[in-house]
PDB file of N, CA and C in Angstrom:
ATOM      1  N   MET A   1     -66.304  15.546  31.497  1.00  0.00           N
ATOM      2  CA  MET A   1     -66.193  14.910  32.809  1.00  0.00           C
ATOM      3  C   MET A   1     -65.477  13.572  32.634  1.00  0.00           C
ATOM      4  N   SER A   2     -64.563  13.288  33.518  1.00  0.00           N
ATOM      5  CA  SER A   2     -63.822  12.038  33.445  1.00  0.00           C
ATOM      6  C   SER A   2     -64.640  10.892  34.024  1.00  0.00           C
ATOM      7  N   GLY A   3     -64.144   9.685  33.876  1.00  0.00           N
ATOM      8  CA  GLY A   3     -64.807   8.515  34.432  1.00  0.00           C
ATOM      9  C   GLY A   3     -64.399   8.222  35.860  1.00  0.00           C
ATOM     10  N   ASP A   4     -63.807   9.183  36.536  1.00  0.00           N
ATOM     11  CA  ASP A   4     -63.336   9.016  37.903  1.00  0.00           C
ATOM     12  C   ASP A   4     -64.525   8.897  38.852  1.00  0.00           C
ATOM     13  N   LEU A   5     -64.756   7.709  39.404  1.00  0.00           N
ATOM     14  CA  LEU A   5     -65.904   7.469  40.266  1.00  0.00           C
ATOM     15  C   LEU A   5     -65.836   8.214  41.593  1.00  0.00           C
ATOM     16  N   ARG A   6     -64.698   8.751  41.939  1.00  0.00           N
ATOM     17  CA  ARG A   6     -64.603   9.549  43.161  1.00  0.00           C
ATOM     18  C   ARG A   6     -65.198  10.935  42.954  1.00  0.00           C
ATOM     19  N   ARG A   7     -65.531  11.264  41.718  1.00  0.00           N
ATOM     20  CA  ARG A   7     -66.038  12.597  41.403  1.00  0.00           C
ATOM     21  C   ARG A   7     -67.441  12.541  40.800  1.00  0.00           C
ATOM     22  N   ILE A   8     -68.239  11.558  41.188  1.00  0.00           N
ATOM     23  CA  ILE A   8     -69.557  11.421  40.578  1.00  0.00           C
ATOM     24  C   ILE A   8     -70.488  12.573  40.932  1.00  0.00           C
ATOM     25  N   GLU A   9     -70.172  13.360  41.941  1.00  0.00           N
ATOM     26  CA  GLU A   9     -71.026  14.486  42.303  1.00  0.00           C
ATOM     27  C   GLU A   9     -70.847  15.672  41.357  1.00  0.00           C
ATOM     28  N   VAL A  10     -69.840  15.643  40.517  1.00  0.00           N
ATOM     29  CA  VAL A  10     -69.568  16.729  39.589  1.00  0.00           C
ATOM     30  C   VAL A  10     -70.465  16.556  38.363  1.00  0.00           C
ATOM     31  N   ILE A  11     -71.247  17.570  38.074  1.00  0.00           N
ATOM     32  CA  ILE A  11     -72.165  17.488  36.945  1.00  0.00           C
ATOM     33  C   ILE A  11     -71.431  17.809  35.644  1.00  0.00           C
ATOM     34  N   ASP A  12     -71.779  17.078  34.629  1.00  0.00           N
ATOM     35  CA  ASP A  12     -71.224  17.280  33.301  1.00  0.00           C
ATOM     36  C   ASP A  12     -71.615  18.678  32.797  1.00  0.00           C
ATOM     37  N   ASP A  13     -70.710  19.351  32.113  1.00  0.00           N
ATOM     38  CA  ASP A  13     -70.980  20.704  31.616  1.00  0.00           C
ATOM     39  C   ASP A  13     -72.204  20.750  30.704  1.00  0.00           C
ATOM     40  N   ALA A  14     -72.353  19.748  29.851  1.00  0.00           N
ATOM     41  CA  ALA A  14     -73.503  19.721  28.939  1.00  0.00           C
ATOM     42  C   ALA A  14     -74.811  19.579  29.719  1.00  0.00           C
ATOM     43  N   MET A  15     -74.823  18.739  30.742  1.00  0.00           N
ATOM     44  CA  MET A  15     -76.033  18.564  31.552  1.00  0.00           C
ATOM     45  C   MET A  15     -76.325  19.838  32.350  1.00  0.00           C
ATOM     46  N   ALA A  16     -75.294  20.488  32.843  1.00  0.00           N
ATOM     47  CA  ALA A  16     -75.487  21.748  33.562  1.00  0.00           C
ATOM     48  C   ALA A  16     -76.154  22.769  32.651  1.00  0.00           C
ATOM     49  N   GLU A  17     -75.751  22.816  31.407  1.00  0.00           N
ATOM     50  CA  GLU A  17     -76.360  23.751  30.459  1.00  0.00           C
ATOM     51  C   GLU A  17     -77.822  23.403  30.198  1.00  0.00           C
ATOM     52  N   VAL A  18     -78.128  22.121  30.065  1.00  0.00           N
ATOM     53  CA  VAL A  18     -79.522  21.696  29.884  1.00  0.00           C
ATOM     54  C   VAL A  18     -80.358  22.150  31.078  1.00  0.00           C
ATOM     55  N   LEU A  19     -79.852  21.933  32.287  1.00  0.00           N
ATOM     56  CA  LEU A  19     -80.594  22.308  33.491  1.00  0.00           C
ATOM     57  C   LEU A  19     -80.735  23.824  33.628  1.00  0.00           C
ATOM     58  N   ARG A  20     -79.718  24.571  33.190  1.00  0.00           N
ATOM     59  CA  ARG A  20     -79.808  26.030  33.237  1.00  0.00           C
ATOM     60  C   ARG A  20     -80.946  26.551  32.365  1.00  0.00           C
ATOM     61  N   ARG A  21     -81.224  25.861  31.289  1.00  0.00           N
ATOM     62  CA  ARG A  21     -82.275  26.288  30.357  1.00  0.00           C
ATOM     63  C   ARG A  21     -83.676  25.917  30.838  1.00  0.00           C
ATOM     64  N   LYS A  22     -83.755  25.099  31.863  1.00  0.00           N
ATOM     65  CA  LYS A  22     -85.055  24.708  32.425  1.00  0.00           C
ATOM     66  C   LYS A  22     -85.581  25.827  33.318  1.00  0.00           C
ATOM     67  N   THR A  23     -86.893  25.916  33.388  1.00  0.00           N
ATOM     68  CA  THR A  23     -87.493  26.861  34.318  1.00  0.00           C
ATOM     69  C   THR A  23     -87.373  26.289  35.728  1.00  0.00           C
ATOM     70  N   PRO A  24     -87.520  27.128  36.745  1.00  0.00           N
ATOM     71  CA  PRO A  24     -87.509  26.587  38.105  1.00  0.00           C
ATOM     72  C   PRO A  24     -88.563  25.497  38.302  1.00  0.00           C
ATOM     73  N   ALA A  25     -89.733  25.666  37.716  1.00  0.00           N
ATOM     74  CA  ALA A  25     -90.786  24.650  37.846  1.00  0.00           C
ATOM     75  C   ALA A  25     -90.373  23.338  37.192  1.00  0.00           C
ATOM     76  N   GLU A  26     -89.701  23.431  36.053  1.00  0.00           N
ATOM     77  CA  GLU A  26     -89.231  22.209  35.387  1.00  0.00           C
ATOM     78  C   GLU A  26     -88.158  21.504  36.211  1.00  0.00           C
ATOM     79  N   ARG A  27     -87.245  22.260  36.789  1.00  0.00           N
ATOM     80  CA  ARG A  27     -86.200  21.660  37.624  1.00  0.00           C
ATOM     81  C   ARG A  27     -86.803  21.027  38.870  1.00  0.00           C
ATOM     82  N   LEU A  28     -87.792  21.680  39.437  1.00  0.00           N
ATOM     83  CA  LEU A  28     -88.472  21.125  40.603  1.00  0.00           C
ATOM     84  C   LEU A  28     -89.199  19.834  40.238  1.00  0.00           C
ATOM     85  N   ALA A  29     -89.847  19.817  39.089  1.00  0.00           N
ATOM     86  CA  ALA A  29     -90.542  18.608  38.632  1.00  0.00           C
ATOM     87  C   ALA A  29     -89.552  17.458  38.431  1.00  0.00           C
ATOM     88  N   ILE A  30     -88.382  17.759  37.897  1.00  0.00           N
ATOM     89  CA  ILE A  30     -87.346  16.737  37.723  1.00  0.00           C
ATOM     90  C   ILE A  30     -86.933  16.188  39.085  1.00  0.00           C
ATOM     91  N   GLY A  31     -86.706  17.081  40.035  1.00  0.00           N
ATOM     92  CA  GLY A  31     -86.310  16.651  41.380  1.00  0.00           C
ATOM     93  C   GLY A  31     -87.374  15.783  42.036  1.00  0.00           C
ATOM     94  N   PHE A  32     -88.639  16.191  41.924  1.00  0.00           N
ATOM     95  CA  PHE A  32     -89.718  15.387  42.502  1.00  0.00           C
ATOM     96  C   PHE A  32     -89.800  14.026  41.830  1.00  0.00           C
ATOM     97  N   GLY A  33     -89.599  13.997  40.514  1.00  0.00           N
ATOM     98  CA  GLY A  33     -89.610  12.718  39.805  1.00  0.00           C
ATOM     99  C   GLY A  33     -88.506  11.790  40.289  1.00  0.00           C
ATOM    100  N   LEU A  34     -87.327  12.349  40.515  1.00  0.00           N
ATOM    101  CA  LEU A  34     -86.215  11.547  41.041  1.00  0.00           C
ATOM    102  C   LEU A  34     -86.532  11.026  42.428  1.00  0.00           C
ATOM    103  N   TRP A  35     -87.153  11.878  43.256  1.00  0.00           N
ATOM    104  CA  TRP A  35     -87.520  11.450  44.608  1.00  0.00           C
ATOM    105  C   TRP A  35     -88.547  10.330  44.555  1.00  0.00           C
ATOM    106  N   ARG A  36     -89.564  10.471  43.688  1.00  0.00           N
ATOM    107  CA  ARG A  36     -90.586   9.417  43.572  1.00  0.00           C
ATOM    108  C   ARG A  36     -89.962   8.098  43.106  1.00  0.00           C
ATOM    109  N   SER A  37     -89.035   8.190  42.159  1.00  0.00           N
ATOM    110  CA  SER A  37     -88.362   6.974  41.683  1.00  0.00           C
ATOM    111  C   SER A  37     -87.553   6.316  42.785  1.00  0.00           C
ATOM    112  N   ALA A  38     -86.814   7.112  43.554  1.00  0.00           N
ATOM    113  CA  ALA A  38     -86.020   6.564  44.656  1.00  0.00           C
ATOM    114  C   ALA A  38     -86.934   5.896  45.678  1.00  0.00           C
ATOM    115  N   ARG A  39     -88.052   6.554  45.990  1.00  0.00           N
ATOM    116  CA  ARG A  39     -89.002   5.998  46.957  1.00  0.00           C
ATOM    117  C   ARG A  39     -89.574   4.673  46.467  1.00  0.00           C
ATOM    118  N   LYS A  40     -89.945   4.628  45.183  1.00  0.00           N
ATOM    119  CA  LYS A  40     -90.519   3.403  44.609  1.00  0.00           C
ATOM    120  C   LYS A  40     -89.498   2.260  44.625  1.00  0.00           C
ATOM    121  N   LEU A  41     -88.263   2.556  44.234  1.00  0.00           N
ATOM    122  CA  LEU A  41     -87.216   1.522  44.229  1.00  0.00           C
ATOM    123  C   LEU A  41     -86.921   1.027  45.644  1.00  0.00           C
ATOM    124  N   LEU A  42     -86.810   1.953  46.588  1.00  0.00           N
ATOM    125  CA  LEU A  42     -86.527   1.576  47.967  1.00  0.00           C
ATOM    126  C   LEU A  42     -87.665   0.740  48.549  1.00  0.00           C
ATOM    127  N   ARG A  43     -88.905   1.147  48.274  1.00  0.00           N
ATOM    128  CA  ARG A  43     -90.053   0.398  48.796  1.00  0.00           C
ATOM    129  C   ARG A  43     -90.069  -1.017  48.227  1.00  0.00           C
ATOM    130  N   GLY A  44     -89.775  -1.146  46.937  1.00  0.00           N
ATOM    131  CA  GLY A  44     -89.721  -2.471  46.321  1.00  0.00           C
ATOM    132  C   GLY A  44     -88.637  -3.348  46.924  1.00  0.00           C
ATOM    133  N   GLN A  45     -87.481  -2.753  47.176  1.00  0.00           N
ATOM    134  CA  GLN A  45     -86.392  -3.514  47.794  1.00  0.00           C
ATOM    135  C   GLN A  45     -86.788  -3.970  49.194  1.00  0.00           C
ATOM    136  N   LEU A  46     -87.341  -3.058  49.970  1.00  0.00           N
ATOM    137  CA  LEU A  46     -87.747  -3.420  51.331  1.00  0.00           C
ATOM    138  C   LEU A  46     -88.846  -4.479  51.320  1.00  0.00           C
ATOM    139  N   ALA A  47     -89.781  -4.385  50.390  1.00  0.00           N
ATOM    140  CA  ALA A  47     -90.863  -5.374  50.302  1.00  0.00           C
ATOM    141  C   ALA A  47     -90.306  -6.755  49.975  1.00  0.00           C
ATOM    142  N   SER A  48     -89.275  -6.802  49.127  1.00  0.00           N
ATOM    143  CA  SER A  48     -88.700  -8.111  48.803  1.00  0.00           C
ATOM    144  C   SER A  48     -87.864  -8.664  49.954  1.00  0.00           C
ATOM    145  N   LEU A  49     -87.230  -7.784  50.707  1.00  0.00           N
ATOM    146  CA  LEU A  49     -86.430  -8.226  51.852  1.00  0.00           C
ATOM    147  C   LEU A  49     -87.288  -8.585  53.067  1.00  0.00           C
ATOM    148  N   HIS A  50     -88.474  -7.969  53.160  1.00  0.00           N
ATOM    149  CA  HIS A  50     -89.348  -8.160  54.320  1.00  0.00           C
ATOM    150  C   HIS A  50     -90.780  -8.435  53.861  1.00  0.00           C
ATOM    151  N   PRO A  51     -91.013  -9.615  53.275  1.00  0.00           N
ATOM    152  CA  PRO A  51     -92.350  -9.921  52.753  1.00  0.00           C
ATOM    153  C   PRO A  51     -93.432  -9.952  53.832  1.00  0.00           C
ATOM    154  N   ASP A  52     -93.038 -10.040  55.077  1.00  0.00           N
ATOM    155  CA  ASP A  52     -93.999 -10.072  56.186  1.00  0.00           C
ATOM    156  C   ASP A  52     -94.471  -8.679  56.602  1.00  0.00           C
ATOM    157  N   TRP A  53     -93.819  -7.625  56.123  1.00  0.00           N
ATOM    158  CA  TRP A  53     -94.212  -6.267  56.489  1.00  0.00           C
ATOM    159  C   TRP A  53     -95.460  -5.853  55.718  1.00  0.00           C
ATOM    160  N   ASP A  54     -96.369  -5.156  56.408  1.00  0.00           N
ATOM    161  CA  ASP A  54     -97.554  -4.627  55.732  1.00  0.00           C
ATOM    162  C   ASP A  54     -97.207  -3.268  55.105  1.00  0.00           C
ATOM    163  N   ALA A  55     -98.173  -2.700  54.372  1.00  0.00           N
ATOM    164  CA  ALA A  55     -97.940  -1.454  53.649  1.00  0.00           C
ATOM    165  C   ALA A  55     -97.549  -0.316  54.587  1.00  0.00           C
ATOM    166  N   ALA A  56     -98.183  -0.249  55.738  1.00  0.00           N
ATOM    167  CA  ALA A  56     -97.874   0.821  56.687  1.00  0.00           C
ATOM    168  C   ALA A  56     -96.433   0.719  57.177  1.00  0.00           C
ATOM    169  N   ARG A  57     -95.988  -0.491  57.463  1.00  0.00           N
ATOM    170  CA  ARG A  57     -94.612  -0.692  57.937  1.00  0.00           C
ATOM    171  C   ARG A  57     -93.617  -0.350  56.839  1.00  0.00           C
ATOM    172  N   LEU A  58     -93.916  -0.745  55.608  1.00  0.00           N
ATOM    173  CA  LEU A  58     -93.037  -0.411  54.488  1.00  0.00           C
ATOM    174  C   LEU A  58     -92.941   1.108  54.322  1.00  0.00           C
ATOM    175  N   ASP A  59     -94.091   1.782  54.348  1.00  0.00           N
ATOM    176  CA  ASP A  59     -94.097   3.234  54.197  1.00  0.00           C
ATOM    177  C   ASP A  59     -93.316   3.920  55.316  1.00  0.00           C
ATOM    178  N   GLN A  60     -93.444   3.410  56.524  1.00  0.00           N
ATOM    179  CA  GLN A  60     -92.728   3.976  57.671  1.00  0.00           C
ATOM    180  C   GLN A  60     -91.218   3.840  57.485  1.00  0.00           C
ATOM    181  N   GLU A  61     -90.781   2.683  57.053  1.00  0.00           N
ATOM    182  CA  GLU A  61     -89.342   2.455  56.879  1.00  0.00           C
ATOM    183  C   GLU A  61     -88.792   3.258  55.706  1.00  0.00           C
ATOM    184  N   VAL A  62     -89.558   3.356  54.639  1.00  0.00           N
ATOM    185  CA  VAL A  62     -89.132   4.173  53.498  1.00  0.00           C
ATOM    186  C   VAL A  62     -88.965   5.622  53.949  1.00  0.00           C
ATOM    187  N   ALA A  63     -89.939   6.135  54.664  1.00  0.00           N
ATOM    188  CA  ALA A  63     -89.868   7.517  55.149  1.00  0.00           C
ATOM    189  C   ALA A  63     -88.666   7.706  56.066  1.00  0.00           C
ATOM    190  N   ARG A  64     -88.419   6.743  56.938  1.00  0.00           N
ATOM    191  CA  ARG A  64     -87.276   6.845  57.854  1.00  0.00           C
ATOM    192  C   ARG A  64     -85.971   6.887  57.083  1.00  0.00           C
ATOM    193  N   LYS A  65     -85.825   5.977  56.139  1.00  0.00           N
ATOM    194  CA  LYS A  65     -84.577   5.914  55.378  1.00  0.00           C
ATOM    195  C   LYS A  65     -84.370   7.168  54.527  1.00  0.00           C
ATOM    196  N   LEU A  66     -85.411   7.631  53.869  1.00  0.00           N
ATOM    197  CA  LEU A  66     -85.252   8.803  53.013  1.00  0.00           C
ATOM    198  C   LEU A  66     -85.043  10.076  53.823  1.00  0.00           C
ATOM    199  N   SER A  67     -85.643  10.172  54.984  1.00  0.00           N
ATOM    200  CA  SER A  67     -85.506  11.393  55.760  1.00  0.00           C
ATOM    201  C   SER A  67     -84.199  11.458  56.533  1.00  0.00           C
ATOM    202  N   HIS A  68     -83.567  10.323  56.761  1.00  0.00           N
ATOM    203  CA  HIS A  68     -82.313  10.300  57.520  1.00  0.00           C
ATOM    204  C   HIS A  68     -81.109   9.943  56.665  1.00  0.00           C
ATOM    205  N   GLY A  69     -81.319   9.732  55.400  1.00  0.00           N
ATOM    206  CA  GLY A  69     -80.211   9.433  54.512  1.00  0.00           C
ATOM    207  C   GLY A  69     -79.557   8.086  54.753  1.00  0.00           C
ATOM    208  N   ALA A  70     -80.267   7.168  55.400  1.00  0.00           N
ATOM    209  CA  ALA A  70     -79.712   5.852  55.710  1.00  0.00           C
ATOM    210  C   ALA A  70     -80.237   4.829  54.717  1.00  0.00           C
ATOM    211  N   LEU A  71     -79.507   4.619  53.641  1.00  0.00           N
ATOM    212  CA  LEU A  71     -79.922   3.601  52.671  1.00  0.00           C
ATOM    213  C   LEU A  71     -79.150   2.354  52.956  1.00  0.00           C
TER     214      LEU A  71
END
């Protein structure tokens, strides 16, 4: 894979092979882990930008952003 940033959606052949060898459950676990990490990072960013928001408001905004793809 080249370093062309316009093509970051293209998976490297070696990584594709690693993922092919995973079971469906393992691939699903990887996906859930990525989602949890994204949620944690987004919540932390929002908490630092909006220190006045309570936990419920932070959770609501995180859910809105993740469900609508608006980061």
